[in-house]
Amino acid sequence: MNLRFALRIAIIGAVTVALLAVGLTSHRGLWWRLVTFTYQANLLAAGYYLWTLVAPRADARAGLRGAVVLYVVIAGLVWNLFLTGYSMGYTVANLLLHVVVPVLAVCDWVLVGRGSRVPWWQPVAWLAFPAVYLIVALLILNGLGRRAPYYFLDPGSVGTAGVARNVAALAALVLALGYTLLIVGGVKRSRPSIR
């Protein structure tokens, strides 16, 4: 078993176990959590890494892979720094989705080569998914009478100016981490070993 295969199976397995744990133990079930960035990013990661195992040429899409890594890292960092006090703490699912998957994804990014170089503009493009998520969270969920899933995106909790500051800070974080991934990813450019 090579490192590429092992890391990707571990990511897929961690997301699967987390989803099962929540589905089997949560009073409100799994479905309501799918509105959170964490669950969307982790499902995207599991789907992407499964795709690369089924169709190894998918590894040539280094920009997409970088986005997947960035999104799970952002979800992990934000949760660990700002949201542990607002959640059930380090449950099995939270540990897997906010710690294990981001660490495994970064290890995959650093230790498994990329099929192509990631263009300098990709971190700007990687803002697209968080921007769409933000629009959904602010306009649709708040418009439907549901509070945004995160207090720092809820005008009722932090005010409109607070949401604007938080959005600007998150955008800066996404860009900074995105360019950090480009720098770290540029260190090793070998082709992935596909078996």
Protein backbone atom coordinates (compact mmCIF):
# COMPACT_ATOMS: atom_id res chain seq x y z
CA MET A 1 0.00 0.00 0.00
CA ASN A 2 1.49 3.35 -0.97
CA LEU A 3 1.27 6.61 0.98
CA ARG A 4 -1.15 8.23 -1.48
CA PHE A 5 -3.63 5.38 -1.16
CA ALA A 6 -3.27 5.15 2.64
CA LEU A 7 -3.83 8.87 3.25
CA ARG A 8 -6.82 9.04 0.97
CA ILE A 9 -8.48 5.95 2.40
CA ALA A 10 -7.89 7.41 5.87
CA ILE A 11 -9.58 10.70 4.86
CA ILE A 12 -12.56 8.91 3.31
CA GLY A 13 -12.80 6.61 6.35
CA ALA A 14 -12.59 9.48 8.85
CA VAL A 15 -15.38 11.40 7.13
CA THR A 16 -17.52 8.26 6.88
CA VAL A 17 -17.05 7.37 10.55
CA ALA A 18 -17.82 10.96 11.59
CA LEU A 19 -21.03 11.01 9.54
CA LEU A 20 -22.10 7.65 10.94
CA ALA A 21 -21.31 8.74 14.50
CA VAL A 22 -23.42 11.88 14.14
CA GLY A 23 -26.21 10.06 12.33
CA LEU A 24 -26.43 7.39 15.01
CA THR A 25 -25.93 9.50 18.13
CA SER A 26 -27.32 12.98 17.47
CA HIS A 27 -30.79 13.91 18.69
CA ARG A 28 -31.34 16.14 15.64
CA GLY A 29 -29.67 13.77 13.19
CA LEU A 30 -27.20 14.41 10.43
CA TRP A 31 -29.19 16.35 7.86
CA TRP A 32 -29.34 19.71 9.64
CA ARG A 33 -25.54 19.73 9.96
CA LEU A 34 -25.17 19.68 6.19
CA VAL A 35 -25.80 23.43 6.21
CA THR A 36 -22.44 23.92 7.94
CA PHE A 37 -19.23 24.68 6.08
CA THR A 38 -17.47 21.89 7.99
CA TYR A 39 -19.74 19.14 6.74
CA GLN A 40 -19.82 20.48 3.20
CA ALA A 41 -16.01 20.78 3.08
CA ASN A 42 -15.49 17.31 4.52
CA LEU A 43 -18.01 15.71 2.15
CA LEU A 44 -16.26 17.49 -0.71
CA ALA A 45 -12.93 16.11 0.52
CA ALA A 46 -14.22 12.55 0.83
CA GLY A 47 -15.78 12.74 -2.62
CA TYR A 48 -12.68 14.25 -4.21
CA TYR A 49 -10.27 11.73 -2.69
CA LEU A 50 -12.56 8.85 -3.62
CA TRP A 51 -12.61 10.21 -7.18
CA THR A 52 -8.79 10.25 -7.26
CA LEU A 53 -8.69 6.61 -6.19
CA VAL A 54 -11.24 5.54 -8.78
CA ALA A 55 -9.87 7.78 -11.56
CA PRO A 56 -6.19 8.50 -10.83
CA ARG A 57 -6.03 11.13 -13.58
CA ALA A 58 -8.07 13.33 -11.26
CA ASP A 59 -4.78 14.08 -9.49
CA ALA A 60 -3.90 16.27 -12.48
CA ARG A 61 -6.45 18.75 -11.12
CA ALA A 62 -4.04 20.19 -8.58
CA GLY A 63 -6.08 23.38 -8.27
CA LEU A 64 -9.16 21.44 -7.19
CA ARG A 65 -7.08 19.42 -4.75
CA GLY A 66 -5.67 22.61 -3.28
CA ALA A 67 -9.19 23.97 -2.79
CA VAL A 68 -10.26 20.79 -0.99
CA VAL A 69 -7.26 20.95 1.34
CA LEU A 70 -7.84 24.64 2.00
CA TYR A 71 -11.52 24.19 2.84
CA VAL A 72 -10.99 21.42 5.40
CA VAL A 73 -8.08 23.33 6.95
CA ILE A 74 -10.22 26.48 7.23
CA ALA A 75 -13.06 24.48 8.78
CA GLY A 76 -10.64 22.91 11.27
CA LEU A 77 -8.89 26.15 12.20
CA VAL A 78 -12.07 28.18 12.65
CA TRP A 79 -13.71 25.47 14.73
CA ASN A 80 -10.67 24.87 16.94
CA LEU A 81 -10.00 28.58 17.48
CA PHE A 82 -13.52 29.98 17.78
CA LEU A 83 -16.24 27.35 17.99
CA THR A 84 -15.31 24.62 20.45
CA GLY A 85 -17.13 26.49 23.22
CA TYR A 86 -20.27 26.66 21.07
CA SER A 87 -20.33 22.96 20.25
CA MET A 88 -20.31 19.66 22.08
CA GLY A 89 -16.51 19.80 22.25
CA TYR A 90 -14.16 17.11 21.01
CA THR A 91 -16.64 14.38 20.23
CA VAL A 92 -15.53 11.60 17.89
CA ALA A 93 -17.12 13.37 14.91
CA ASN A 94 -15.70 16.79 15.81
CA LEU A 95 -12.24 15.35 16.34
CA LEU A 96 -12.33 13.54 12.99
CA LEU A 97 -13.77 16.43 10.96
CA HIS A 98 -11.91 19.32 12.58
CA VAL A 99 -8.54 17.76 13.43
CA VAL A 100 -7.88 14.40 11.75
CA VAL A 101 -9.14 15.17 8.22
CA PRO A 102 -7.37 18.56 7.99
CA VAL A 103 -4.07 17.04 9.19
CA LEU A 104 -4.38 14.11 6.76
CA ALA A 105 -5.26 16.47 3.88
CA VAL A 106 -2.22 18.65 4.57
CA CYS A 107 -0.02 15.54 4.79
CA ASP A 108 -1.41 14.40 1.44
CA TRP A 109 -0.74 17.85 -0.07
CA VAL A 110 2.84 17.96 1.20
CA LEU A 111 3.91 14.32 0.92
CA VAL A 112 2.12 13.18 -2.25
CA GLY A 113 3.27 14.90 -5.42
CA ARG A 114 1.05 16.92 -7.70
CA GLY A 115 0.59 16.19 -11.37
CA SER A 116 0.82 19.87 -12.28
CA ARG A 117 1.84 23.19 -10.83
CA VAL A 118 -0.94 25.29 -9.31
CA PRO A 119 -1.25 28.73 -10.98
CA TRP A 120 -0.71 31.80 -8.81
CA TRP A 121 -4.33 32.94 -9.19
CA GLN A 122 -5.91 29.76 -7.80
CA PRO A 123 -6.18 30.99 -4.17
CA VAL A 124 -8.31 33.87 -5.45
CA ALA A 125 -10.54 31.37 -7.29
CA TRP A 126 -10.69 29.27 -4.11
CA LEU A 127 -12.69 32.11 -2.53
CA ALA A 128 -15.67 31.13 -4.72
CA PHE A 129 -17.04 28.30 -2.56
CA PRO A 130 -16.74 30.22 0.74
CA ALA A 131 -18.36 33.25 -0.96
CA VAL A 132 -21.32 31.17 -2.16
CA TYR A 133 -21.56 29.60 1.29
CA LEU A 134 -21.60 33.08 2.83
CA ILE A 135 -24.40 34.23 0.53
CA VAL A 136 -26.45 31.17 1.41
CA ALA A 137 -25.78 31.58 5.13
CA LEU A 138 -26.55 35.29 5.24
CA LEU A 139 -29.32 35.75 2.73
CA ILE A 140 -31.14 32.47 2.47
CA LEU A 141 -30.89 31.03 5.98
CA ASN A 142 -31.41 34.37 7.70
CA GLY A 143 -34.16 35.21 5.21
CA LEU A 144 -35.94 31.95 6.02
CA GLY A 145 -35.87 32.75 9.71
CA ARG A 146 -33.01 30.35 10.43
CA ARG A 147 -29.96 31.81 12.03
CA ALA A 148 -26.66 31.51 10.15
CA PRO A 149 -24.90 28.36 11.40
CA TYR A 150 -22.01 30.35 12.88
CA TYR A 151 -22.40 33.18 15.39
CA PHE A 152 -19.76 35.28 13.64
CA LEU A 153 -21.95 35.33 10.49
CA ASP A 154 -25.14 36.15 12.38
CA PRO A 155 -26.03 39.85 12.35
CA GLY A 156 -28.30 39.19 15.34
CA SER A 157 -25.29 38.07 17.39
CA VAL A 158 -22.44 40.35 16.24
CA GLY A 159 -24.23 43.09 14.27
CA THR A 160 -23.93 43.95 10.60
CA ALA A 161 -20.57 45.71 11.05
CA GLY A 162 -19.29 42.70 13.00
CA VAL A 163 -20.34 40.34 10.21
CA ALA A 164 -18.60 42.60 7.66
CA ARG A 165 -15.38 42.58 9.72
CA ASN A 166 -15.57 38.82 10.17
CA VAL A 167 -16.15 38.24 6.46
CA ALA A 168 -13.14 40.42 5.59
CA ALA A 169 -10.99 38.58 8.13
CA LEU A 170 -12.12 35.18 6.82
CA ALA A 171 -11.43 36.21 3.22
CA ALA A 172 -7.94 37.34 4.22
CA LEU A 173 -7.41 34.04 6.06
CA VAL A 174 -8.54 32.02 3.03
CA LEU A 175 -6.16 33.94 0.76
CA ALA A 176 -3.24 33.74 3.21
CA LEU A 177 -3.68 30.01 3.75
CA GLY A 178 -4.23 29.47 0.02
CA TYR A 179 -0.94 31.14 -0.86
CA THR A 180 0.76 29.26 1.97
CA LEU A 181 -0.45 26.01 0.37
CA LEU A 182 1.02 27.15 -2.95
CA ILE A 183 4.37 27.82 -1.32
CA VAL A 184 4.39 24.55 0.62
CA GLY A 185 3.08 22.67 -2.40
CA GLY A 186 5.83 24.10 -4.58
CA VAL A 187 8.50 22.37 -2.52
CA LYS A 188 7.71 18.91 -3.87
CA ARG A 189 6.59 18.65 -7.48
CA SER A 190 7.05 14.97 -8.18
CA ARG A 191 4.31 13.12 -10.00
CA PRO A 192 1.99 11.11 -7.78
CA SER A 193 2.71 7.43 -7.63
CA ILE A 194 -0.40 5.77 -8.97
CA ARG A 195 -0.95 2.07 -8.46
